Amino acid sequence: MDKRINPKLRILLGAEIAIGPGKADLLDAVARTGSISAAAREMGMSYRRAWLLVDTMNRCFKRPLVEASKGGSGGGGARITEQGLDVLARYRAMELKAAASVAAEMREFTQLLA
């Protein structure tokens, strides 16, 4: 079992998590696969769960982070919008800054864990 600990950053809009580690990973997976369902499979979650996470992100931001196209004879798909790429890059940068800013405290905190 991996016992490394890491701080997790979540950006709340009211009671909703606009973006956090799981949603950022989902955005990465959608960008890689071009599909919400393929991203969900890759992450071991249901399509419905992934769709709900995407829907929450899209509602929390001024412009959608993911655009999906309906299936059909050619199949559907999804893509990360420019806004989505920007949000993802900013979130990843914030994660790195947050982890660096508490690195000393995290080392000390780790001493308290089983």
N, C-alpha and C. Protein backbone atom coordinates (compact mmCIF):
# COMPACT_ATOMS: atom_id res chain seq x y z
N MET A 1 0.84 -1.18 0.00
CA MET A 1 0.00 0.00 0.00
C MET A 1 0.88 1.24 0.00
N ASP A 2 0.52 2.21 -0.83
CA ASP A 2 1.25 3.48 -0.92
C ASP A 2 0.81 4.37 0.23
N LYS A 3 1.75 4.76 1.07
CA LYS A 3 1.41 5.58 2.23
C LYS A 3 1.79 7.04 2.06
N ARG A 4 2.14 7.46 0.85
CA ARG A 4 2.43 8.88 0.64
C ARG A 4 1.15 9.67 0.84
N ILE A 5 1.29 10.84 1.43
CA ILE A 5 0.12 11.70 1.59
C ILE A 5 0.34 12.97 0.79
N ASN A 6 -0.73 13.49 0.30
CA ASN A 6 -0.68 14.71 -0.49
C ASN A 6 -1.87 15.58 -0.12
N PRO A 7 -1.68 16.89 -0.05
CA PRO A 7 -2.84 17.76 0.16
C PRO A 7 -3.70 17.75 -1.11
N LYS A 8 -5.00 17.91 -0.94
CA LYS A 8 -5.93 17.94 -2.06
C LYS A 8 -6.61 19.30 -2.10
N LEU A 9 -6.64 19.89 -3.27
CA LEU A 9 -7.22 21.21 -3.46
C LEU A 9 -8.58 21.06 -4.13
N ARG A 10 -9.59 21.66 -3.53
CA ARG A 10 -10.94 21.68 -4.11
C ARG A 10 -11.40 23.12 -4.18
N ILE A 11 -11.97 23.50 -5.32
CA ILE A 11 -12.50 24.85 -5.50
C ILE A 11 -14.02 24.74 -5.42
N LEU A 12 -14.59 25.38 -4.41
CA LEU A 12 -16.03 25.31 -4.19
C LEU A 12 -16.72 26.53 -4.77
N LEU A 13 -17.89 26.29 -5.33
CA LEU A 13 -18.80 27.36 -5.74
C LEU A 13 -20.09 27.08 -4.98
N GLY A 14 -20.28 27.81 -3.89
CA GLY A 14 -21.39 27.48 -3.00
C GLY A 14 -21.12 26.12 -2.39
N ALA A 15 -22.08 25.23 -2.48
CA ALA A 15 -21.94 23.88 -1.91
C ALA A 15 -21.33 22.90 -2.91
N GLU A 16 -21.18 23.32 -4.16
CA GLU A 16 -20.68 22.40 -5.19
C GLU A 16 -19.17 22.52 -5.36
N ILE A 17 -18.55 21.39 -5.66
CA ILE A 17 -17.13 21.39 -5.98
C ILE A 17 -17.03 21.70 -7.48
N ALA A 18 -16.56 22.92 -7.79
CA ALA A 18 -16.43 23.31 -9.20
C ALA A 18 -15.35 22.47 -9.87
N ILE A 19 -14.23 22.29 -9.15
CA ILE A 19 -13.17 21.42 -9.65
C ILE A 19 -12.34 20.96 -8.45
N GLY A 20 -11.91 19.73 -8.53
CA GLY A 20 -11.06 19.12 -7.53
C GLY A 20 -10.20 18.07 -8.21
N PRO A 21 -9.49 17.27 -7.44
CA PRO A 21 -8.58 16.30 -8.05
C PRO A 21 -9.26 15.30 -8.98
N GLY A 22 -10.40 14.78 -8.59
CA GLY A 22 -11.10 13.81 -9.43
C GLY A 22 -11.63 14.42 -10.71
N LYS A 23 -12.19 15.60 -10.61
CA LYS A 23 -12.72 16.27 -11.80
C LYS A 23 -11.59 16.67 -12.74
N ALA A 24 -10.46 17.09 -12.19
CA ALA A 24 -9.30 17.41 -13.03
C ALA A 24 -8.81 16.15 -13.75
N ASP A 25 -8.76 15.03 -13.03
CA ASP A 25 -8.37 13.77 -13.67
C ASP A 25 -9.36 13.36 -14.75
N LEU A 26 -10.65 13.62 -14.51
CA LEU A 26 -11.66 13.32 -15.52
C LEU A 26 -11.46 14.19 -16.76
N LEU A 27 -11.17 15.47 -16.56
CA LEU A 27 -10.89 16.34 -17.72
C LEU A 27 -9.70 15.82 -18.51
N ASP A 28 -8.64 15.41 -17.81
CA ASP A 28 -7.48 14.83 -18.49
C ASP A 28 -7.88 13.60 -19.29
N ALA A 29 -8.71 12.74 -18.70
CA ALA A 29 -9.12 11.50 -19.36
C ALA A 29 -10.00 11.80 -20.58
N VAL A 30 -10.90 12.77 -20.48
CA VAL A 30 -11.73 13.15 -21.63
C VAL A 30 -10.84 13.70 -22.74
N ALA A 31 -9.85 14.50 -22.38
CA ALA A 31 -8.94 15.05 -23.39
C ALA A 31 -8.18 13.93 -24.09
N ARG A 32 -7.76 12.92 -23.34
CA ARG A 32 -7.01 11.79 -23.92
C ARG A 32 -7.87 10.91 -24.80
N THR A 33 -9.10 10.63 -24.33
CA THR A 33 -9.93 9.63 -25.00
C THR A 33 -10.92 10.21 -26.00
N GLY A 34 -11.26 11.51 -25.84
CA GLY A 34 -12.26 12.11 -26.72
C GLY A 34 -13.66 11.64 -26.44
N SER A 35 -13.88 11.13 -25.22
CA SER A 35 -15.17 10.54 -24.90
C SER A 35 -15.38 10.53 -23.38
N ILE A 36 -16.59 10.91 -22.96
CA ILE A 36 -16.91 10.83 -21.54
C ILE A 36 -17.01 9.37 -21.11
N SER A 37 -17.62 8.53 -21.94
CA SER A 37 -17.77 7.11 -21.55
C SER A 37 -16.42 6.41 -21.49
N ALA A 38 -15.53 6.68 -22.43
CA ALA A 38 -14.20 6.06 -22.40
C ALA A 38 -13.40 6.58 -21.21
N ALA A 39 -13.55 7.87 -20.91
CA ALA A 39 -12.87 8.43 -19.74
C ALA A 39 -13.38 7.77 -18.47
N ALA A 40 -14.69 7.58 -18.39
CA ALA A 40 -15.29 6.92 -17.22
C ALA A 40 -14.75 5.51 -17.06
N ARG A 41 -14.71 4.76 -18.16
CA ARG A 41 -14.17 3.38 -18.09
C ARG A 41 -12.73 3.39 -17.63
N GLU A 42 -11.93 4.29 -18.18
CA GLU A 42 -10.52 4.39 -17.81
C GLU A 42 -10.36 4.67 -16.32
N MET A 43 -11.29 5.45 -15.76
CA MET A 43 -11.20 5.82 -14.35
C MET A 43 -11.96 4.87 -13.43
N GLY A 44 -12.63 3.87 -14.00
CA GLY A 44 -13.36 2.91 -13.19
C GLY A 44 -14.63 3.46 -12.58
N MET A 45 -15.30 4.36 -13.29
CA MET A 45 -16.57 4.89 -12.79
C MET A 45 -17.64 4.71 -13.85
N SER A 46 -18.87 4.85 -13.44
CA SER A 46 -19.98 4.71 -14.39
C SER A 46 -20.04 5.93 -15.30
N TYR A 47 -20.65 5.73 -16.47
CA TYR A 47 -20.84 6.85 -17.39
C TYR A 47 -21.68 7.92 -16.71
N ARG A 48 -22.73 7.49 -15.99
CA ARG A 48 -23.61 8.45 -15.33
C ARG A 48 -22.85 9.32 -14.34
N ARG A 49 -21.99 8.71 -13.55
CA ARG A 49 -21.19 9.47 -12.57
C ARG A 49 -20.29 10.48 -13.30
N ALA A 50 -19.62 10.04 -14.37
CA ALA A 50 -18.75 10.94 -15.12
C ALA A 50 -19.56 12.08 -15.74
N TRP A 51 -20.72 11.74 -16.29
CA TRP A 51 -21.57 12.76 -16.91
C TRP A 51 -22.02 13.78 -15.87
N LEU A 52 -22.38 13.33 -14.68
CA LEU A 52 -22.80 14.24 -13.61
C LEU A 52 -21.65 15.16 -13.18
N LEU A 53 -20.44 14.62 -13.12
CA LEU A 53 -19.28 15.44 -12.78
C LEU A 53 -19.02 16.50 -13.84
N VAL A 54 -19.11 16.11 -15.11
CA VAL A 54 -18.94 17.05 -16.22
C VAL A 54 -20.03 18.11 -16.16
N ASP A 55 -21.26 17.69 -15.91
CA ASP A 55 -22.38 18.62 -15.84
C ASP A 55 -22.17 19.65 -14.72
N THR A 56 -21.70 19.19 -13.58
CA THR A 56 -21.42 20.10 -12.46
C THR A 56 -20.35 21.12 -12.86
N MET A 57 -19.26 20.63 -13.46
CA MET A 57 -18.21 21.56 -13.89
C MET A 57 -18.76 22.58 -14.88
N ASN A 58 -19.52 22.10 -15.86
CA ASN A 58 -20.05 23.00 -16.89
C ASN A 58 -20.98 24.06 -16.28
N ARG A 59 -21.75 23.69 -15.25
CA ARG A 59 -22.64 24.64 -14.60
C ARG A 59 -21.90 25.64 -13.72
N CYS A 60 -20.78 25.22 -13.15
CA CYS A 60 -20.05 26.07 -12.22
C CYS A 60 -19.20 27.15 -12.90
N PHE A 61 -18.88 26.96 -14.14
CA PHE A 61 -18.04 27.93 -14.85
C PHE A 61 -18.87 28.73 -15.84
N LYS A 62 -18.40 29.91 -16.19
CA LYS A 62 -19.13 30.80 -17.10
C LYS A 62 -19.34 30.17 -18.46
N ARG A 63 -18.34 29.42 -18.91
CA ARG A 63 -18.44 28.72 -20.20
C ARG A 63 -18.16 27.25 -19.96
N PRO A 64 -18.70 26.35 -20.77
CA PRO A 64 -18.50 24.90 -20.57
C PRO A 64 -17.03 24.51 -20.65
N LEU A 65 -16.67 23.52 -19.84
CA LEU A 65 -15.32 22.96 -19.88
C LEU A 65 -15.25 21.78 -20.83
N VAL A 66 -16.39 21.11 -21.02
CA VAL A 66 -16.47 19.94 -21.90
C VAL A 66 -17.68 20.13 -22.81
N GLU A 67 -17.48 19.86 -24.09
CA GLU A 67 -18.59 19.83 -25.05
C GLU A 67 -18.74 18.41 -25.54
N ALA A 68 -19.96 17.90 -25.46
CA ALA A 68 -20.24 16.54 -25.91
C ALA A 68 -21.12 16.59 -27.15
N SER A 69 -20.91 15.62 -28.03
CA SER A 69 -21.79 15.49 -29.19
C SER A 69 -22.53 14.17 -29.07
N LYS A 70 -23.77 14.19 -29.49
CA LYS A 70 -24.62 13.00 -29.38
C LYS A 70 -24.10 11.88 -30.26
N GLY A 71 -24.36 10.66 -29.82
CA GLY A 71 -24.00 9.47 -30.60
C GLY A 71 -24.87 9.37 -31.84
N GLY A 72 -24.57 8.45 -32.65
CA GLY A 72 -25.30 8.22 -33.89
C GLY A 72 -24.53 7.20 -34.70
N SER A 73 -24.70 7.24 -35.99
CA SER A 73 -24.00 6.26 -36.83
C SER A 73 -22.49 6.40 -36.71
N GLY A 74 -22.01 7.63 -36.55
CA GLY A 74 -20.57 7.85 -36.40
C GLY A 74 -20.12 7.83 -34.95
N GLY A 75 -21.08 7.68 -34.04
CA GLY A 75 -20.74 7.70 -32.62
C GLY A 75 -20.62 9.12 -32.11
N GLY A 76 -20.71 9.26 -30.82
CA GLY A 76 -20.60 10.58 -30.19
C GLY A 76 -19.17 10.85 -29.81
N GLY A 77 -19.01 11.82 -28.98
CA GLY A 77 -17.68 12.16 -28.51
C GLY A 77 -17.74 13.34 -27.58
N ALA A 78 -16.62 13.72 -27.07
CA ALA A 78 -16.52 14.87 -26.20
C ALA A 78 -15.15 15.50 -26.38
N ARG A 79 -15.12 16.79 -26.14
CA ARG A 79 -13.83 17.48 -26.21
C ARG A 79 -13.75 18.51 -25.10
N ILE A 80 -12.52 18.77 -24.69
CA ILE A 80 -12.26 19.81 -23.71
C ILE A 80 -12.23 21.13 -24.47
N THR A 81 -12.97 22.09 -23.99
CA THR A 81 -13.01 23.41 -24.62
C THR A 81 -11.74 24.20 -24.26
N GLU A 82 -11.56 25.33 -24.93
CA GLU A 82 -10.45 26.22 -24.57
C GLU A 82 -10.56 26.63 -23.11
N GLN A 83 -11.78 26.94 -22.67
CA GLN A 83 -12.00 27.29 -21.26
C GLN A 83 -11.60 26.11 -20.37
N GLY A 84 -11.95 24.90 -20.78
CA GLY A 84 -11.59 23.71 -20.01
C GLY A 84 -10.09 23.52 -19.90
N LEU A 85 -9.39 23.72 -21.00
CA LEU A 85 -7.93 23.61 -20.98
C LEU A 85 -7.31 24.65 -20.06
N ASP A 86 -7.85 25.87 -20.12
CA ASP A 86 -7.36 26.95 -19.28
C ASP A 86 -7.60 26.65 -17.80
N VAL A 87 -8.82 26.22 -17.46
CA VAL A 87 -9.16 25.88 -16.08
C VAL A 87 -8.27 24.74 -15.59
N LEU A 88 -8.08 23.72 -16.41
CA LEU A 88 -7.26 22.58 -16.02
C LEU A 88 -5.81 22.99 -15.77
N ALA A 89 -5.26 23.81 -16.65
CA ALA A 89 -3.87 24.26 -16.48
C ALA A 89 -3.73 25.11 -15.22
N ARG A 90 -4.69 25.99 -14.98
CA ARG A 90 -4.63 26.83 -13.78
C ARG A 90 -4.78 25.98 -12.52
N TYR A 91 -5.68 25.00 -12.56
CA TYR A 91 -5.89 24.14 -11.40
C TYR A 91 -4.62 23.33 -11.09
N ARG A 92 -4.01 22.75 -12.11
CA ARG A 92 -2.78 21.97 -11.90
C ARG A 92 -1.67 22.85 -11.34
N ALA A 93 -1.57 24.08 -11.82
CA ALA A 93 -0.56 25.00 -11.29
C ALA A 93 -0.84 25.32 -9.82
N MET A 94 -2.11 25.51 -9.48
CA MET A 94 -2.49 25.78 -8.10
C MET A 94 -2.19 24.57 -7.20
N GLU A 95 -2.41 23.37 -7.71
CA GLU A 95 -2.08 22.16 -6.94
C GLU A 95 -0.60 22.14 -6.58
N LEU A 96 0.24 22.42 -7.56
CA LEU A 96 1.69 22.41 -7.33
C LEU A 96 2.09 23.48 -6.31
N LYS A 97 1.54 24.68 -6.46
CA LYS A 97 1.85 25.75 -5.52
C LYS A 97 1.38 25.42 -4.11
N ALA A 98 0.18 24.87 -4.00
CA ALA A 98 -0.36 24.51 -2.68
C ALA A 98 0.51 23.45 -2.01
N ALA A 99 0.89 22.42 -2.76
CA ALA A 99 1.72 21.35 -2.19
C ALA A 99 3.08 21.90 -1.76
N ALA A 100 3.67 22.77 -2.57
CA ALA A 100 4.97 23.33 -2.22
C ALA A 100 4.88 24.21 -0.98
N SER A 101 3.78 24.94 -0.85
CA SER A 101 3.67 25.88 0.26
C SER A 101 3.47 25.19 1.61
N VAL A 102 3.00 23.95 1.60
CA VAL A 102 2.80 23.23 2.87
C VAL A 102 3.72 22.01 3.00
N ALA A 103 4.76 21.95 2.20
CA ALA A 103 5.64 20.78 2.19
C ALA A 103 6.26 20.51 3.56
N ALA A 104 6.74 21.52 4.24
CA ALA A 104 7.37 21.31 5.56
C ALA A 104 6.34 20.80 6.56
N GLU A 105 5.16 21.41 6.56
CA GLU A 105 4.10 20.97 7.47
C GLU A 105 3.65 19.55 7.16
N MET A 106 3.61 19.20 5.87
CA MET A 106 3.20 17.85 5.48
C MET A 106 4.22 16.82 5.97
N ARG A 107 5.51 17.15 5.90
CA ARG A 107 6.53 16.24 6.42
C ARG A 107 6.32 16.01 7.91
N GLU A 108 6.06 17.08 8.66
CA GLU A 108 5.81 16.95 10.09
C GLU A 108 4.51 16.21 10.36
N PHE A 109 3.49 16.49 9.59
CA PHE A 109 2.19 15.85 9.76
C PHE A 109 2.30 14.35 9.52
N THR A 110 3.10 13.97 8.55
CA THR A 110 3.29 12.55 8.22
C THR A 110 3.78 11.78 9.43
N GLN A 111 4.57 12.42 10.29
CA GLN A 111 5.09 11.77 11.50
C GLN A 111 3.96 11.34 12.45
N LEU A 112 2.80 11.98 12.34
CA LEU A 112 1.68 11.70 13.23
C LEU A 112 0.79 10.56 12.73
N LEU A 113 0.97 10.19 11.49
CA LEU A 113 0.10 9.17 10.89
C LEU A 113 0.58 7.76 11.17
N ALA A 114 -0.34 6.84 11.21
CA ALA A 114 0.00 5.42 11.44
C ALA A 114 0.65 4.82 10.23
